[in-house]
């Protein structure tokens, strides 16, 4: 078990982030582990014939299902949303001393650890460059085409958690994060097999990273120089690959079928164009319905770059959930 000890300052500095590199790395488990694959069948089918020639086992070997994985492979984002180009650049620039330190620990923790670690210990710069090139090619073929969907799914989880923190404090935030995570002020306990540590945050705060592909149990990063981090399975993973939302009958009677479908689909932030495409509506009709939902206080819009992303408000969540429950 890993225990993170908070101060009042740590609570105020706790933040969320989305890590493209984390999703990339953990998606490799879905390729080789049936317990992960069952959640991502639609995505896996889309990869047929697209990964030929990529020696992915070399990358997957660094991330066994249990136990320590080298921290340098997962450079954490500085802001709320990481960028895969920045992640790969950070990976390529990893100090040699850090590579050797992490790989020496990896070698001591796993049966095949010494064999896997040996090239990284002998020629760390070359091996990390090869690893980054491999992951970059894999991203382009496997993750980049579905990244907007994954990002929207993770955005929805963060929006939900942020509302819980605002309305109920840390007890509400951590209360349903994961069955293996428990809050007993001032400490957060994360059940991690074969690893015990107590980490005083000392004003650094905690980084919380939801994941679509790390869907079985939480992970922690608790070694210097990284910020203390909890990686947890995002809520509702079974809905990630759904093509269209399930429309609650009561919601359709109340709002009309188009607006009800729109509100149901806005559990994740989406642009007008994306909503129009998903719901087979014209952009003008979609914009009209969004305006009505926004005026009713059921959705809100936030500009990101050239697009406005719409998501349900707390009132919209309550209405969609209540009508879905009957």
Protein backbone atom coordinates (compact mmCIF):
# COMPACT_ATOMS: atom_id res chain seq x y z
CA UNK A 1 0.00 0.00 0.00
CA UNK A 2 1.15 3.52 -0.77
CA UNK A 3 -0.06 6.29 1.57
CA UNK A 4 -0.03 9.91 0.43
CA UNK A 5 -0.16 12.35 3.36
CA UNK A 6 -1.80 15.70 2.59
CA UNK A 7 -1.61 19.15 4.08
CA UNK A 8 -4.17 21.87 3.38
CA UNK A 9 -1.73 23.26 0.82
CA UNK A 10 -1.50 19.87 -0.90
CA UNK A 11 -5.27 19.73 -1.33
CA UNK A 12 -5.25 23.12 -3.03
CA UNK A 13 -2.44 21.99 -5.35
CA UNK A 14 -3.98 18.67 -6.35
CA UNK A 15 -4.71 18.72 -10.08
CA UNK A 16 -5.83 16.55 -12.99
CA UNK A 17 -4.06 15.85 -16.26
CA UNK A 18 -4.45 13.75 -19.38
CA UNK A 19 -1.37 11.89 -20.58
CA UNK A 20 -1.21 10.73 -24.22
CA UNK A 21 1.95 8.72 -23.48
CA UNK A 22 0.18 6.91 -20.64
CA UNK A 23 -2.63 5.82 -22.95
CA UNK A 24 -0.14 4.77 -25.62
CA UNK A 25 1.90 2.63 -23.25
CA UNK A 26 -1.02 1.01 -21.46
CA UNK A 27 -2.82 0.29 -24.73
CA UNK A 28 -0.05 -2.23 -25.38
CA UNK A 29 -1.52 -4.34 -22.57
CA UNK A 30 -4.80 -4.58 -24.45
CA UNK A 31 -2.90 -6.16 -27.33
CA UNK A 32 -1.53 -9.00 -25.24
CA UNK A 33 -3.75 -9.37 -22.15
CA UNK A 34 -7.27 -10.83 -22.65
CA UNK A 35 -8.53 -9.21 -19.43
CA UNK A 36 -7.77 -5.79 -20.96
CA UNK A 37 -8.74 -6.73 -24.53
CA UNK A 38 -12.35 -7.46 -23.57
CA UNK A 39 -12.93 -3.77 -22.89
CA UNK A 40 -11.50 -2.62 -26.22
CA UNK A 41 -12.72 -5.15 -28.79
CA UNK A 42 -13.98 -2.47 -31.20
CA UNK A 43 -10.63 -0.68 -31.17
CA UNK A 44 -8.67 -3.92 -31.49
CA UNK A 45 -10.67 -4.95 -34.56
CA UNK A 46 -9.85 -1.62 -36.17
CA UNK A 47 -6.13 -2.43 -35.93
CA UNK A 48 -6.28 -5.48 -38.17
CA UNK A 49 -3.22 -5.46 -40.43
CA UNK A 50 -2.08 -1.99 -39.31
CA UNK A 51 0.65 -2.98 -36.85
CA UNK A 52 2.65 -5.32 -39.05
CA UNK A 53 6.38 -4.80 -38.83
CA UNK A 54 6.35 -3.05 -35.45
CA UNK A 55 8.36 -4.96 -32.80
CA UNK A 56 5.92 -4.02 -30.05
CA UNK A 57 7.00 -6.73 -27.64
CA UNK A 58 10.20 -4.73 -27.06
CA UNK A 59 8.09 -1.86 -25.69
CA UNK A 60 5.51 -4.02 -23.93
CA UNK A 61 8.25 -5.89 -22.05
CA UNK A 62 8.96 -2.72 -20.05
CA UNK A 63 5.42 -2.75 -18.67
CA UNK A 64 4.51 -6.09 -17.08
CA UNK A 65 0.96 -6.38 -15.74
CA UNK A 66 2.21 -6.13 -12.16
CA UNK A 67 5.16 -4.56 -10.43
CA UNK A 68 7.49 -1.71 -11.23
CA UNK A 69 7.77 -0.16 -14.70
CA UNK A 70 10.48 2.41 -15.52
CA UNK A 71 9.15 5.86 -14.72
CA UNK A 72 11.12 7.64 -17.43
CA UNK A 73 8.91 6.07 -20.13
CA UNK A 74 5.93 8.07 -18.83
CA UNK A 75 6.92 11.75 -18.70
CA UNK A 76 3.99 13.44 -16.99
CA UNK A 77 2.34 16.52 -18.53
CA UNK A 78 3.06 19.93 -17.03
CA UNK A 79 -0.45 21.18 -17.82
CA UNK A 80 -3.91 19.61 -17.91
CA UNK A 81 -3.43 18.10 -21.37
CA UNK A 82 -0.20 16.56 -22.54
CA UNK A 83 0.99 16.43 -26.13
CA UNK A 84 2.44 13.27 -27.62
CA UNK A 85 5.18 15.24 -29.40
CA UNK A 86 6.27 16.77 -26.10
CA UNK A 87 6.12 13.36 -24.40
CA UNK A 88 8.30 11.74 -27.05
CA UNK A 89 10.78 14.64 -26.94
CA UNK A 90 10.98 14.30 -23.16
CA UNK A 91 11.53 10.55 -23.49
CA UNK A 92 14.36 11.04 -25.98
CA UNK A 93 15.97 13.64 -23.68
CA UNK A 94 15.88 11.47 -20.55
CA UNK A 95 19.20 11.83 -18.67
CA UNK A 96 21.35 8.73 -18.92
CA UNK A 97 21.64 8.53 -15.15
CA UNK A 98 17.83 8.38 -14.86
CA UNK A 99 17.58 5.62 -17.49
CA UNK A 100 20.17 3.51 -15.70
CA UNK A 101 18.63 4.11 -12.28
CA UNK A 102 15.14 3.11 -13.40
CA UNK A 103 16.34 0.09 -15.37
CA UNK A 104 18.51 -1.15 -12.51
CA UNK A 105 15.43 -1.09 -10.28
CA UNK A 106 13.38 -2.79 -13.01
CA UNK A 107 16.02 -5.52 -13.32
CA UNK A 108 15.81 -6.21 -9.60
CA UNK A 109 12.01 -6.46 -9.57
CA UNK A 110 11.20 -8.96 -12.34
CA UNK A 111 12.28 -12.45 -13.34
CA UNK A 112 13.20 -11.37 -16.86
CA UNK A 113 14.25 -7.94 -15.64
CA UNK A 114 18.03 -8.35 -16.06
CA UNK A 115 17.65 -9.61 -19.64
CA UNK A 116 15.25 -6.78 -20.62
CA UNK A 117 17.28 -4.10 -18.85
CA UNK A 118 20.72 -5.09 -20.16
CA UNK A 119 20.63 -3.10 -23.45
CA UNK A 120 19.38 0.00 -21.62
CA UNK A 121 22.17 -0.28 -19.07
CA UNK A 122 24.83 -0.87 -21.74
CA UNK A 123 23.77 1.73 -24.31
CA UNK A 124 20.96 3.80 -22.75
CA UNK A 125 20.83 6.62 -25.31
CA UNK A 126 20.57 4.29 -28.31
CA UNK A 127 17.91 2.11 -26.71
CA UNK A 128 15.73 5.01 -25.59
CA UNK A 129 15.94 6.53 -29.05
CA UNK A 130 14.82 3.22 -30.57
CA UNK A 131 12.01 2.96 -28.04
CA UNK A 132 10.78 6.49 -28.79
CA UNK A 133 10.83 5.83 -32.55
CA UNK A 134 8.83 2.65 -32.04
CA UNK A 135 6.25 4.34 -29.82
CA UNK A 136 5.93 7.22 -32.28
CA UNK A 137 5.15 4.82 -35.13
CA UNK A 138 2.69 2.90 -32.97
CA UNK A 139 0.91 6.13 -31.95
CA UNK A 140 0.40 7.13 -35.58
CA UNK A 141 -1.14 3.78 -36.50
CA UNK A 142 -3.07 2.79 -33.39
CA UNK A 143 -3.87 5.75 -31.13
CA UNK A 144 -3.87 8.96 -33.15
CA UNK A 145 -6.94 7.97 -35.23
CA UNK A 146 -9.03 7.48 -32.07
CA UNK A 147 -7.39 10.09 -29.84
CA UNK A 148 -10.25 12.64 -30.08
CA UNK A 149 -12.66 10.00 -28.75
CA UNK A 150 -10.30 8.94 -25.94
CA UNK A 151 -9.59 12.54 -24.99
CA UNK A 152 -13.30 13.40 -24.83
CA UNK A 153 -13.87 10.34 -22.63
CA UNK A 154 -11.10 11.37 -20.23
CA UNK A 155 -12.29 15.01 -20.26
CA UNK A 156 -15.70 13.78 -19.11
CA UNK A 157 -14.15 11.91 -16.18
CA UNK A 158 -12.16 14.98 -15.10
CA UNK A 159 -15.26 17.19 -15.34
CA UNK A 160 -17.14 14.75 -13.11
CA UNK A 161 -14.32 14.56 -10.55
CA UNK A 162 -13.88 18.32 -10.48
CA UNK A 163 -17.58 18.79 -9.72
CA UNK A 164 -17.39 16.26 -6.90
CA UNK A 165 -14.38 18.05 -5.41
CA UNK A 166 -16.16 21.41 -5.64
CA UNK A 167 -19.40 20.19 -4.06
CA UNK A 168 -18.13 17.64 -1.54
CA UNK A 169 -14.41 18.17 -0.96
CA UNK A 170 -11.75 15.44 -0.98
CA UNK A 171 -14.06 12.83 0.59
CA UNK A 172 -16.40 13.12 -2.40
CA UNK A 173 -13.55 13.25 -4.91
CA UNK A 174 -11.74 10.17 -3.64
CA UNK A 175 -14.83 8.29 -2.40
CA UNK A 176 -15.59 6.65 -5.75
CA UNK A 177 -12.25 7.02 -7.50
CA UNK A 178 -11.55 3.29 -7.32
CA UNK A 179 -12.23 0.43 -4.83
CA UNK A 180 -8.48 0.24 -4.19
CA UNK A 181 -8.29 3.92 -3.22
CA UNK A 182 -9.52 5.19 0.15
CA UNK A 183 -9.48 8.60 1.85
CA UNK A 184 -9.09 9.03 5.61
CA UNK A 185 -8.03 12.63 6.20
CA UNK A 186 -5.28 13.62 5.90
CA UNK A 187 -4.19 10.49 4.00
CA UNK A 188 -5.01 8.81 0.72
CA UNK A 189 -4.27 5.09 0.61
CA UNK A 190 -3.74 3.25 -2.68
CA UNK A 191 -3.51 -0.54 -2.60
CA UNK A 192 -0.46 -1.49 -4.65
CA UNK A 193 0.71 -5.13 -4.57
CA UNK A 194 4.22 -5.73 -3.23
CA UNK A 195 4.95 -2.06 -2.67
CA UNK A 196 4.67 -0.17 0.59
CA UNK A 197 5.53 3.49 1.09
CA UNK A 198 4.41 6.61 2.92
CA UNK A 199 4.77 9.78 0.88
CA UNK A 200 4.50 13.17 2.56
CA UNK A 201 3.42 15.50 -0.22
CA UNK A 202 5.04 18.50 1.49
CA UNK A 203 3.21 21.12 -0.56
CA UNK A 204 3.73 19.43 -3.94
CA UNK A 205 0.11 18.35 -4.29
CA UNK A 206 -1.02 15.18 -6.02
CA UNK A 207 -1.42 14.65 -9.76
CA UNK A 208 -4.50 12.61 -10.70
CA UNK A 209 -4.45 11.03 -14.16
CA UNK A 210 -7.52 9.16 -15.48
CA UNK A 211 -6.86 6.43 -18.00
CA UNK A 212 -8.89 4.56 -20.59
CA UNK A 213 -6.39 1.73 -21.06
CA UNK A 214 -5.12 1.34 -17.48
CA UNK A 215 -8.55 -0.03 -16.69
CA UNK A 216 -7.94 -2.80 -14.15
CA UNK A 217 -6.44 -1.08 -11.11
CA UNK A 218 -4.71 2.14 -10.04
CA UNK A 219 -0.97 2.82 -10.37
CA UNK A 220 1.22 5.27 -8.50
CA UNK A 221 4.40 7.21 -9.20
CA UNK A 222 6.09 8.00 -5.90
CA UNK A 223 9.81 8.26 -6.71
CA UNK A 224 11.78 11.49 -7.05
CA UNK A 225 12.06 13.58 -9.14
CA UNK A 226 8.51 12.97 -10.39
CA UNK A 227 5.48 14.66 -8.89
CA UNK A 228 3.51 12.17 -6.75
CA UNK A 229 0.87 10.73 -9.04
CA UNK A 230 -2.12 8.39 -8.96
CA UNK A 231 -3.20 6.89 -12.28
CA UNK A 232 -6.71 5.49 -12.05
CA UNK A 233 -9.24 3.83 -14.40
CA UNK A 234 -11.65 6.42 -15.77
CA UNK A 235 -15.34 5.83 -15.02
CA UNK A 236 -17.63 4.20 -17.56
CA UNK A 237 -14.92 2.51 -19.61
CA UNK A 238 -17.55 0.22 -21.19
CA UNK A 239 -19.05 3.26 -22.95
CA UNK A 240 -15.81 4.40 -24.61
CA UNK A 241 -16.38 2.70 -27.96
CA UNK A 242 -20.15 3.11 -28.14
CA UNK A 243 -21.17 4.66 -31.44
CA UNK A 244 -24.19 6.50 -30.05
CA UNK A 245 -25.64 7.16 -26.60
CA UNK A 246 -28.48 5.11 -25.17
CA UNK A 247 -31.44 7.47 -25.17
CA UNK A 248 -33.47 7.49 -21.93
CA UNK A 249 -37.19 7.34 -22.79
CA UNK A 250 -38.16 9.81 -20.07
CA UNK A 251 -35.61 12.33 -21.29
CA UNK A 252 -36.95 12.11 -24.85
CA UNK A 253 -40.49 12.77 -23.64
CA UNK A 254 -39.31 15.82 -21.73
CA UNK A 255 -36.97 17.46 -24.24
CA UNK A 256 -37.76 15.86 -27.57
CA UNK A 257 -35.69 13.12 -29.16
CA UNK A 258 -32.95 15.30 -30.72
CA UNK A 259 -32.24 17.41 -27.64
CA UNK A 260 -32.47 14.35 -25.40
CA UNK A 261 -29.94 12.48 -27.58
CA UNK A 262 -27.68 15.51 -27.49
CA UNK A 263 -27.83 15.83 -23.71
CA UNK A 264 -27.19 12.10 -23.29
CA UNK A 265 -24.16 12.30 -25.58
CA UNK A 266 -22.68 15.31 -23.80
CA UNK A 267 -21.44 13.26 -20.88
CA UNK A 268 -18.16 13.91 -22.73
CA UNK A 269 -17.24 17.36 -24.12
CA UNK A 270 -17.93 17.62 -27.85
CA UNK A 271 -17.91 20.29 -30.54
CA UNK A 272 -20.92 21.24 -32.64
CA UNK A 273 -19.42 19.48 -35.66
CA UNK A 274 -18.72 16.29 -33.71
CA UNK A 275 -22.24 16.21 -32.26
CA UNK A 276 -23.77 16.78 -35.67
CA UNK A 277 -21.80 13.88 -37.13
CA UNK A 278 -22.51 11.50 -34.24
CA UNK A 279 -26.24 12.24 -34.17
CA UNK A 280 -26.74 12.60 -37.96
CA UNK A 281 -27.98 16.19 -37.66
CA UNK A 282 -27.09 19.26 -39.68
CA UNK A 283 -24.64 21.71 -38.05
CA UNK A 284 -27.35 24.41 -38.05
CA UNK A 285 -29.87 22.14 -36.30
CA UNK A 286 -27.25 21.03 -33.80
CA UNK A 287 -26.32 24.64 -33.03
CA UNK A 288 -29.99 25.53 -32.52
CA UNK A 289 -30.54 22.69 -30.05
CA UNK A 290 -27.30 23.50 -28.21
CA UNK A 291 -28.41 27.08 -27.75
CA UNK A 292 -31.70 25.91 -26.25
CA UNK A 293 -29.95 23.49 -23.89
CA UNK A 294 -27.43 26.16 -22.88
CA UNK A 295 -30.19 28.72 -22.22
CA UNK A 296 -31.89 26.14 -19.99
CA UNK A 297 -28.69 25.70 -17.96
CA UNK A 298 -28.25 22.07 -19.04
CA UNK A 299 -25.00 22.47 -21.00
CA UNK A 300 -22.10 24.87 -21.04
CA UNK A 301 -19.55 25.75 -23.70
CA UNK A 302 -15.81 26.31 -23.41
CA UNK A 303 -13.60 27.48 -26.25
CA UNK A 304 -10.53 25.35 -27.01
CA UNK A 305 -8.55 26.62 -30.00
CA UNK A 306 -10.91 27.13 -32.92
CA UNK A 307 -13.71 25.01 -31.48
CA UNK A 308 -16.22 25.38 -28.66
CA UNK A 309 -16.60 22.19 -26.63
CA UNK A 310 -19.97 21.64 -24.99
CA UNK A 311 -20.58 19.47 -21.93
CA UNK A 312 -23.39 18.89 -19.47
CA UNK A 313 -23.66 21.05 -16.37
CA UNK A 314 -24.42 19.57 -12.96
CA UNK A 315 -28.12 20.20 -13.67
CA UNK A 316 -27.78 18.45 -17.02
CA UNK A 317 -26.04 15.50 -15.35
CA UNK A 318 -28.78 15.23 -12.75
CA UNK A 319 -31.53 15.35 -15.37
CA UNK A 320 -29.91 12.82 -17.70
CA UNK A 321 -29.09 10.44 -14.87
CA UNK A 322 -32.49 10.69 -13.21
CA UNK A 323 -34.44 10.10 -16.40
CA UNK A 324 -32.13 7.25 -17.35
CA UNK A 325 -32.88 5.60 -14.02
CA UNK A 326 -36.57 5.94 -14.66
